[in-house]
Structure formats: structure tokens, C-alpha cells
Amino acid sequence: MAGRPRSFDRDAALAAAVEQFWREGYEATSIATLTAAMGVSPPSLYAAFGDKNRLFEEASAAYFRLTCEGLDRAAELPTAREAIVRVLEDTARAHTDAATPPGCLMLTEPRLTAQRQELYQRLLDRLERGVKDGDLAPGTRTDRLASFLVVVLRGMSGCARDGGTLEDLQQIAETAMAAFPAPLEKADRRSISR
């Protein structure tokens, strides 16, 4: 005998859970606040998502997928510099958008270290492609640069959580890009490729 069909939109409920965890953090978010935000009853929440921990895992994975999708779109830009500028600009806008809580869901739990590592790896891959493509100099310490960028992204999130404005975050992004290696000139690229 099949159970009754769900009377709510699971994706919309998950999106509401993402925002609730993002706004309040894992510890401060209760089942009561989750069910109110998601518009579901406690039995429906448990049936659809399991316990609070499993719901948080699914919510943080959904949030992280969106983060990675944005990073992947930026990575398709022609140069590493353009890609990183886009990542920083998108981060500044996302963390200060009035429609979303300030800061970043990824900073709310230490269990998300693996997601930060994935972010580092995606940045590293794009920087290494920049070296291979010749828009970053050979010998660029892409590992250090990727670590630096992860710290900048986390700092931008923290600044937004503490009340930083879009302008504040854009200034952080500009300062970070001032530390980014200068692009190689076309003549330099040709000599490297020989």
C-alpha cells in the first residue's frame, strides 16, 4: 500500500530550509522554526528529509551546488583573471543581496571543511588552466593563490555577516585583485608556448 502523496513542494521546502539554516545557523535552528519556515508539519519534515542533521546536510549540499555552478560559469571566461574577477563580483553581490541572509551558509558549520576543499580545488584547477593557457606566468604558485582566494571569499562572507555593504565587499575584491598576478602580454605568451 502506497503512502499518501506529499502535500508540499519538496524543492521549495528545501530552499526554505537552506535560508533558515543560513540565517540562524545549525544550532540555533529548531525543528519548530524549520517547520514554520518550510510550511510543513514535523511528521512531514521527518518523512521527507529525515532528522534535522540529514536536512542540514541536504540543505548545505543544495547551497553548495549553487555556489559551484556560479564558480563553474565564471571558470568558462577566457582568462583566469576574468574568471576570478567574476567569482569575487558574484560573491560580493550574493552576500549583500537584500533577499538573502548576510554571509554564507558554508561558514556556519565545521563539517563543511570538505566543501571548502572542493572550492579550493575548483579555483586551483582554473588557475592551473590559466598557467597552461599562458595568461598566468609559468611558476605562478597556483596552490598559494587558490588558498589566498578561499580566504578572501571567506572574509567577504564574514564581512557581509557583520553588516558589510556591497561597496565594502567590492573593495575587498579590488584589493584581492591588486594582489593577483598581472596578465602576461601576448608577446610573453608566444615566447612561453615555443
C-alpha atoms as a PDB file:
ATOM      1  CA  MET A   1       0.000   0.000   0.000  1.00  0.00           C
ATOM      2  CA  ALA A   2       1.498   3.307  -1.062  1.00  0.00           C
ATOM      3  CA  GLY A   3       1.665   6.225   1.382  1.00  0.00           C
ATOM      4  CA  ARG A   4      -0.206   9.427   0.846  1.00  0.00           C
ATOM      5  CA  PRO A   5       1.435  11.757  -1.671  1.00  0.00           C
ATOM      6  CA  ARG A   6       3.228  14.749  -0.216  1.00  0.00           C
ATOM      7  CA  SER A   7       1.106  17.867   0.038  1.00  0.00           C
ATOM      8  CA  PHE A   8       4.053  20.250  -0.334  1.00  0.00           C
ATOM      9  CA  ASP A   9       6.718  21.153  -2.866  1.00  0.00           C
ATOM     10  CA  ARG A  10       9.873  19.416  -1.627  1.00  0.00           C
ATOM     11  CA  ASP A  11      12.241  21.719  -3.543  1.00  0.00           C
ATOM     12  CA  ALA A  12      10.535  24.838  -2.180  1.00  0.00           C
ATOM     13  CA  ALA A  13      10.648  23.387   1.341  1.00  0.00           C
ATOM     14  CA  LEU A  14      14.341  22.596   0.930  1.00  0.00           C
ATOM     15  CA  ALA A  15      15.011  26.145  -0.289  1.00  0.00           C
ATOM     16  CA  ALA A  16      13.256  27.478   2.820  1.00  0.00           C
ATOM     17  CA  ALA A  17      15.398  25.195   4.997  1.00  0.00           C
ATOM     18  CA  VAL A  18      18.550  26.462   3.286  1.00  0.00           C
ATOM     19  CA  GLU A  19      17.575  30.036   4.112  1.00  0.00           C
ATOM     20  CA  GLN A  20      16.640  29.183   7.703  1.00  0.00           C
ATOM     21  CA  PHE A  21      19.950  27.409   8.386  1.00  0.00           C
ATOM     22  CA  TRP A  22      21.787  30.223   6.588  1.00  0.00           C
ATOM     23  CA  ARG A  23      20.030  32.894   8.635  1.00  0.00           C
ATOM     24  CA  GLU A  24      20.248  31.248  12.075  1.00  0.00           C
ATOM     25  CA  GLY A  25      22.959  28.582  11.839  1.00  0.00           C
ATOM     26  CA  TYR A  26      22.563  24.907  12.622  1.00  0.00           C
ATOM     27  CA  GLU A  27      22.486  25.071  16.416  1.00  0.00           C
ATOM     28  CA  ALA A  28      20.022  27.965  16.677  1.00  0.00           C
ATOM     29  CA  THR A  29      17.612  26.439  14.164  1.00  0.00           C
ATOM     30  CA  SER A  30      14.995  24.249  15.827  1.00  0.00           C
ATOM     31  CA  ILE A  31      12.569  21.799  14.266  1.00  0.00           C
ATOM     32  CA  ALA A  32       9.796  24.285  15.128  1.00  0.00           C
ATOM     33  CA  THR A  33      11.498  27.127  13.229  1.00  0.00           C
ATOM     34  CA  LEU A  34      12.234  24.802  10.320  1.00  0.00           C
ATOM     35  CA  THR A  35       8.651  23.571  10.021  1.00  0.00           C
ATOM     36  CA  ALA A  36       7.329  27.133  10.248  1.00  0.00           C
ATOM     37  CA  ALA A  37       9.762  28.362   7.568  1.00  0.00           C
ATOM     38  CA  MET A  38       9.159  25.358   5.323  1.00  0.00           C
ATOM     39  CA  GLY A  39       5.379  25.313   5.754  1.00  0.00           C
ATOM     40  CA  VAL A  40       5.323  21.640   6.741  1.00  0.00           C
ATOM     41  CA  SER A  41       4.360  19.658   9.813  1.00  0.00           C
ATOM     42  CA  PRO A  42       7.035  17.879  11.875  1.00  0.00           C
ATOM     43  CA  PRO A  43       5.879  14.435  10.644  1.00  0.00           C
ATOM     44  CA  SER A  44       6.117  15.662   7.026  1.00  0.00           C
ATOM     45  CA  LEU A  45       9.593  17.063   7.629  1.00  0.00           C
ATOM     46  CA  TYR A  46      10.786  13.771   9.115  1.00  0.00           C
ATOM     47  CA  ALA A  47       9.141  11.721   6.357  1.00  0.00           C
ATOM     48  CA  ALA A  48      10.624  13.826   3.555  1.00  0.00           C
ATOM     49  CA  PHE A  49      14.049  14.717   4.951  1.00  0.00           C
ATOM     50  CA  GLY A  50      14.776  12.539   7.966  1.00  0.00           C
ATOM     51  CA  ASP A  51      16.131  14.279  11.039  1.00  0.00           C
ATOM     52  CA  LYS A  52      17.496  17.815  11.418  1.00  0.00           C
ATOM     53  CA  ASN A  53      21.044  16.683  10.708  1.00  0.00           C
ATOM     54  CA  ARG A  54      20.117  14.989   7.431  1.00  0.00           C
ATOM     55  CA  LEU A  55      18.048  18.008   6.415  1.00  0.00           C
ATOM     56  CA  PHE A  56      21.027  20.250   7.125  1.00  0.00           C
ATOM     57  CA  GLU A  57      23.301  18.021   5.056  1.00  0.00           C
ATOM     58  CA  GLU A  58      20.878  18.176   2.136  1.00  0.00           C
ATOM     59  CA  ALA A  59      20.394  21.938   2.540  1.00  0.00           C
ATOM     60  CA  SER A  60      24.121  22.628   2.670  1.00  0.00           C
ATOM     61  CA  ALA A  61      24.671  20.386  -0.372  1.00  0.00           C
ATOM     62  CA  ALA A  62      21.977  22.305  -2.285  1.00  0.00           C
ATOM     63  CA  TYR A  63      23.538  25.625  -1.289  1.00  0.00           C
ATOM     64  CA  PHE A  64      27.000  24.405  -2.265  1.00  0.00           C
ATOM     65  CA  ARG A  65      25.738  23.182  -5.655  1.00  0.00           C
ATOM     66  CA  LEU A  66      24.589  26.742  -6.413  1.00  0.00           C
ATOM     67  CA  THR A  67      27.990  28.085  -5.313  1.00  0.00           C
ATOM     68  CA  CYS A  68      29.797  25.613  -7.584  1.00  0.00           C
ATOM     69  CA  GLU A  69      27.503  26.354 -10.520  1.00  0.00           C
ATOM     70  CA  GLY A  70      28.418  30.040 -10.253  1.00  0.00           C
ATOM     71  CA  LEU A  71      32.113  29.231  -9.994  1.00  0.00           C
ATOM     72  CA  ASP A  72      31.902  26.900 -12.989  1.00  0.00           C
ATOM     73  CA  ARG A  73      30.205  29.605 -15.082  1.00  0.00           C
ATOM     74  CA  ALA A  74      32.948  32.049 -14.118  1.00  0.00           C
ATOM     75  CA  ALA A  75      35.644  29.477 -14.936  1.00  0.00           C
ATOM     76  CA  GLU A  76      34.459  29.443 -18.555  1.00  0.00           C
ATOM     77  CA  LEU A  77      35.565  33.052 -19.077  1.00  0.00           C
ATOM     78  CA  PRO A  78      38.601  33.393 -21.376  1.00  0.00           C
ATOM     79  CA  THR A  79      41.261  34.181 -18.754  1.00  0.00           C
ATOM     80  CA  ALA A  80      41.947  33.253 -15.161  1.00  0.00           C
ATOM     81  CA  ARG A  81      41.854  36.933 -14.206  1.00  0.00           C
ATOM     82  CA  GLU A  82      38.397  37.419 -15.743  1.00  0.00           C
ATOM     83  CA  ALA A  83      37.176  34.251 -14.027  1.00  0.00           C
ATOM     84  CA  ILE A  84      38.411  35.337 -10.595  1.00  0.00           C
ATOM     85  CA  VAL A  85      37.036  38.868 -11.015  1.00  0.00           C
ATOM     86  CA  ARG A  86      33.631  37.318 -11.798  1.00  0.00           C
ATOM     87  CA  VAL A  87      33.818  34.981  -8.778  1.00  0.00           C
ATOM     88  CA  LEU A  88      34.620  37.910  -6.479  1.00  0.00           C
ATOM     89  CA  GLU A  89      31.936  40.148  -8.017  1.00  0.00           C
ATOM     90  CA  ASP A  90      29.319  37.398  -7.768  1.00  0.00           C
ATOM     91  CA  THR A  91      30.326  36.746  -4.161  1.00  0.00           C
ATOM     92  CA  ALA A  92      30.013  40.412  -3.238  1.00  0.00           C
ATOM     93  CA  ARG A  93      26.541  40.638  -4.787  1.00  0.00           C
ATOM     94  CA  ALA A  94      25.294  37.320  -3.391  1.00  0.00           C
ATOM     95  CA  HIS A  95      26.387  38.062   0.165  1.00  0.00           C
ATOM     96  CA  THR A  96      24.817  41.517   0.217  1.00  0.00           C
ATOM     97  CA  ASP A  97      21.590  40.775  -1.663  1.00  0.00           C
ATOM     98  CA  ALA A  98      18.690  42.025   0.441  1.00  0.00           C
ATOM     99  CA  ALA A  99      16.730  38.890  -0.453  1.00  0.00           C
ATOM    100  CA  THR A 100      19.205  36.563   1.274  1.00  0.00           C
ATOM    101  CA  PRO A 101      20.699  36.354   4.748  1.00  0.00           C
ATOM    102  CA  PRO A 102      24.100  38.008   5.132  1.00  0.00           C
ATOM    103  CA  GLY A 103      27.236  35.931   4.927  1.00  0.00           C
ATOM    104  CA  CYS A 104      27.482  32.353   3.820  1.00  0.00           C
ATOM    105  CA  LEU A 105      25.858  29.108   4.900  1.00  0.00           C
ATOM    106  CA  MET A 106      29.187  27.338   4.412  1.00  0.00           C
ATOM    107  CA  LEU A 107      30.665  29.208   7.382  1.00  0.00           C
ATOM    108  CA  THR A 108      28.081  28.004   9.872  1.00  0.00           C
ATOM    109  CA  GLU A 109      29.395  24.501  10.477  1.00  0.00           C
ATOM    110  CA  PRO A 110      32.860  22.975  10.791  1.00  0.00           C
ATOM    111  CA  ARG A 111      31.581  19.869   8.971  1.00  0.00           C
ATOM    112  CA  LEU A 112      31.724  21.837   5.739  1.00  0.00           C
ATOM    113  CA  THR A 113      35.515  21.679   5.503  1.00  0.00           C
ATOM    114  CA  ALA A 114      35.151  19.262   2.595  1.00  0.00           C
ATOM    115  CA  GLN A 115      33.133  21.851   0.685  1.00  0.00           C
ATOM    116  CA  ARG A 116      35.821  24.460   1.255  1.00  0.00           C
ATOM    117  CA  GLN A 117      38.363  21.961  -0.063  1.00  0.00           C
ATOM    118  CA  GLU A 118      36.211  21.462  -3.159  1.00  0.00           C
ATOM    119  CA  LEU A 119      36.052  25.230  -3.648  1.00  0.00           C
ATOM    120  CA  TYR A 120      39.848  25.410  -3.303  1.00  0.00           C
ATOM    121  CA  GLN A 121      40.263  22.620  -5.873  1.00  0.00           C
ATOM    122  CA  ARG A 122      37.966  24.308  -8.404  1.00  0.00           C
ATOM    123  CA  LEU A 123      39.856  27.586  -8.034  1.00  0.00           C
ATOM    124  CA  LEU A 124      43.180  25.744  -8.285  1.00  0.00           C
ATOM    125  CA  ASP A 125      42.065  23.960 -11.462  1.00  0.00           C
ATOM    126  CA  ARG A 126      41.089  27.272 -13.085  1.00  0.00           C
ATOM    127  CA  LEU A 127      44.373  28.912 -12.078  1.00  0.00           C
ATOM    128  CA  GLU A 128      46.385  25.981 -13.401  1.00  0.00           C
ATOM    129  CA  ARG A 129      44.461  26.226 -16.648  1.00  0.00           C
ATOM    130  CA  GLY A 130      45.460  29.906 -16.702  1.00  0.00           C
ATOM    131  CA  VAL A 131      49.129  28.895 -16.483  1.00  0.00           C
ATOM    132  CA  LYS A 132      48.637  26.278 -19.205  1.00  0.00           C
ATOM    133  CA  ASP A 133      46.795  28.776 -21.427  1.00  0.00           C
ATOM    134  CA  GLY A 134      49.532  31.342 -20.917  1.00  0.00           C
ATOM    135  CA  ASP A 135      47.514  34.057 -19.197  1.00  0.00           C
ATOM    136  CA  LEU A 136      49.387  33.408 -15.925  1.00  0.00           C
ATOM    137  CA  ALA A 137      53.158  33.148 -15.813  1.00  0.00           C
ATOM    138  CA  PRO A 138      54.835  29.761 -15.551  1.00  0.00           C
ATOM    139  CA  GLY A 139      55.898  29.238 -11.975  1.00  0.00           C
ATOM    140  CA  THR A 140      52.812  31.005 -10.582  1.00  0.00           C
ATOM    141  CA  ARG A 141      52.161  29.403  -7.199  1.00  0.00           C
ATOM    142  CA  THR A 142      48.625  28.413  -8.047  1.00  0.00           C
ATOM    143  CA  ASP A 143      48.265  26.481  -4.795  1.00  0.00           C
ATOM    144  CA  ARG A 144      49.050  29.571  -2.724  1.00  0.00           C
ATOM    145  CA  LEU A 145      46.892  31.759  -4.930  1.00  0.00           C
ATOM    146  CA  ALA A 146      43.923  29.373  -4.606  1.00  0.00           C
ATOM    147  CA  SER A 147      44.375  29.300  -0.805  1.00  0.00           C
ATOM    148  CA  PHE A 148      44.511  33.094  -0.752  1.00  0.00           C
ATOM    149  CA  LEU A 149      41.305  33.315  -2.788  1.00  0.00           C
ATOM    150  CA  VAL A 150      39.455  30.912  -0.478  1.00  0.00           C
ATOM    151  CA  VAL A 151      40.473  33.095   2.475  1.00  0.00           C
ATOM    152  CA  VAL A 152      39.302  36.208   0.619  1.00  0.00           C
ATOM    153  CA  LEU A 153      35.936  34.583  -0.157  1.00  0.00           C
ATOM    154  CA  ARG A 154      35.509  33.542   3.472  1.00  0.00           C
ATOM    155  CA  GLY A 155      36.492  37.040   4.584  1.00  0.00           C
ATOM    156  CA  MET A 156      33.949  38.607   2.256  1.00  0.00           C
ATOM    157  CA  SER A 157      31.293  36.357   3.753  1.00  0.00           C
ATOM    158  CA  GLY A 158      32.304  37.288   7.290  1.00  0.00           C
ATOM    159  CA  CYS A 159      32.292  40.969   6.404  1.00  0.00           C
ATOM    160  CA  ALA A 160      28.759  40.667   4.998  1.00  0.00           C
ATOM    161  CA  ARG A 161      27.598  38.739   8.079  1.00  0.00           C
ATOM    162  CA  ASP A 162      28.966  41.587  10.230  1.00  0.00           C
ATOM    163  CA  GLY A 163      26.968  44.167   8.252  1.00  0.00           C
ATOM    164  CA  GLY A 164      29.362  44.948   5.404  1.00  0.00           C
ATOM    165  CA  THR A 165      27.814  46.565   2.352  1.00  0.00           C
ATOM    166  CA  LEU A 166      28.169  45.716  -1.323  1.00  0.00           C
ATOM    167  CA  GLU A 167      30.687  48.558  -1.566  1.00  0.00           C
ATOM    168  CA  ASP A 168      32.703  47.093   1.331  1.00  0.00           C
ATOM    169  CA  LEU A 169      32.844  43.703  -0.338  1.00  0.00           C
ATOM    170  CA  GLN A 170      33.699  45.194  -3.724  1.00  0.00           C
ATOM    171  CA  GLN A 171      36.642  46.999  -2.106  1.00  0.00           C
ATOM    172  CA  ILE A 172      37.860  43.693  -0.669  1.00  0.00           C
ATOM    173  CA  ALA A 173      37.568  42.165  -4.145  1.00  0.00           C
ATOM    174  CA  GLU A 174      39.506  45.054  -5.712  1.00  0.00           C
ATOM    175  CA  THR A 175      42.267  44.718  -3.129  1.00  0.00           C
ATOM    176  CA  ALA A 176      42.456  40.972  -3.758  1.00  0.00           C
ATOM    177  CA  MET A 177      42.756  41.550  -7.489  1.00  0.00           C
ATOM    178  CA  ALA A 178      45.584  44.025  -6.876  1.00  0.00           C
ATOM    179  CA  ALA A 179      47.484  41.072  -5.374  1.00  0.00           C
ATOM    180  CA  PHE A 180      46.582  38.815  -8.314  1.00  0.00           C
ATOM    181  CA  PRO A 181      49.438  38.238 -10.800  1.00  0.00           C
ATOM    182  CA  ALA A 182      49.433  40.617 -13.730  1.00  0.00           C
ATOM    183  CA  PRO A 183      48.325  39.035 -17.009  1.00  0.00           C
ATOM    184  CA  LEU A 184      51.048  38.109 -19.458  1.00  0.00           C
ATOM    185  CA  GLU A 185      51.358  40.213 -22.560  1.00  0.00           C
ATOM    186  CA  LYS A 186      50.697  38.448 -25.866  1.00  0.00           C
ATOM    187  CA  ALA A 187      54.389  38.546 -26.755  1.00  0.00           C
ATOM    188  CA  ASP A 188      55.246  36.878 -23.469  1.00  0.00           C
ATOM    189  CA  ARG A 189      52.616  34.214 -24.095  1.00  0.00           C
ATOM    190  CA  ARG A 190      54.103  33.435 -27.520  1.00  0.00           C
ATOM    191  CA  SER A 191      57.608  33.022 -26.086  1.00  0.00           C
ATOM    192  CA  ILE A 192      56.321  30.665 -23.392  1.00  0.00           C
ATOM    193  CA  SER A 193      54.463  28.496 -25.896  1.00  0.00           C
ATOM    194  CA  ARG A 194      57.596  27.962 -28.011  1.00  0.00           C
END
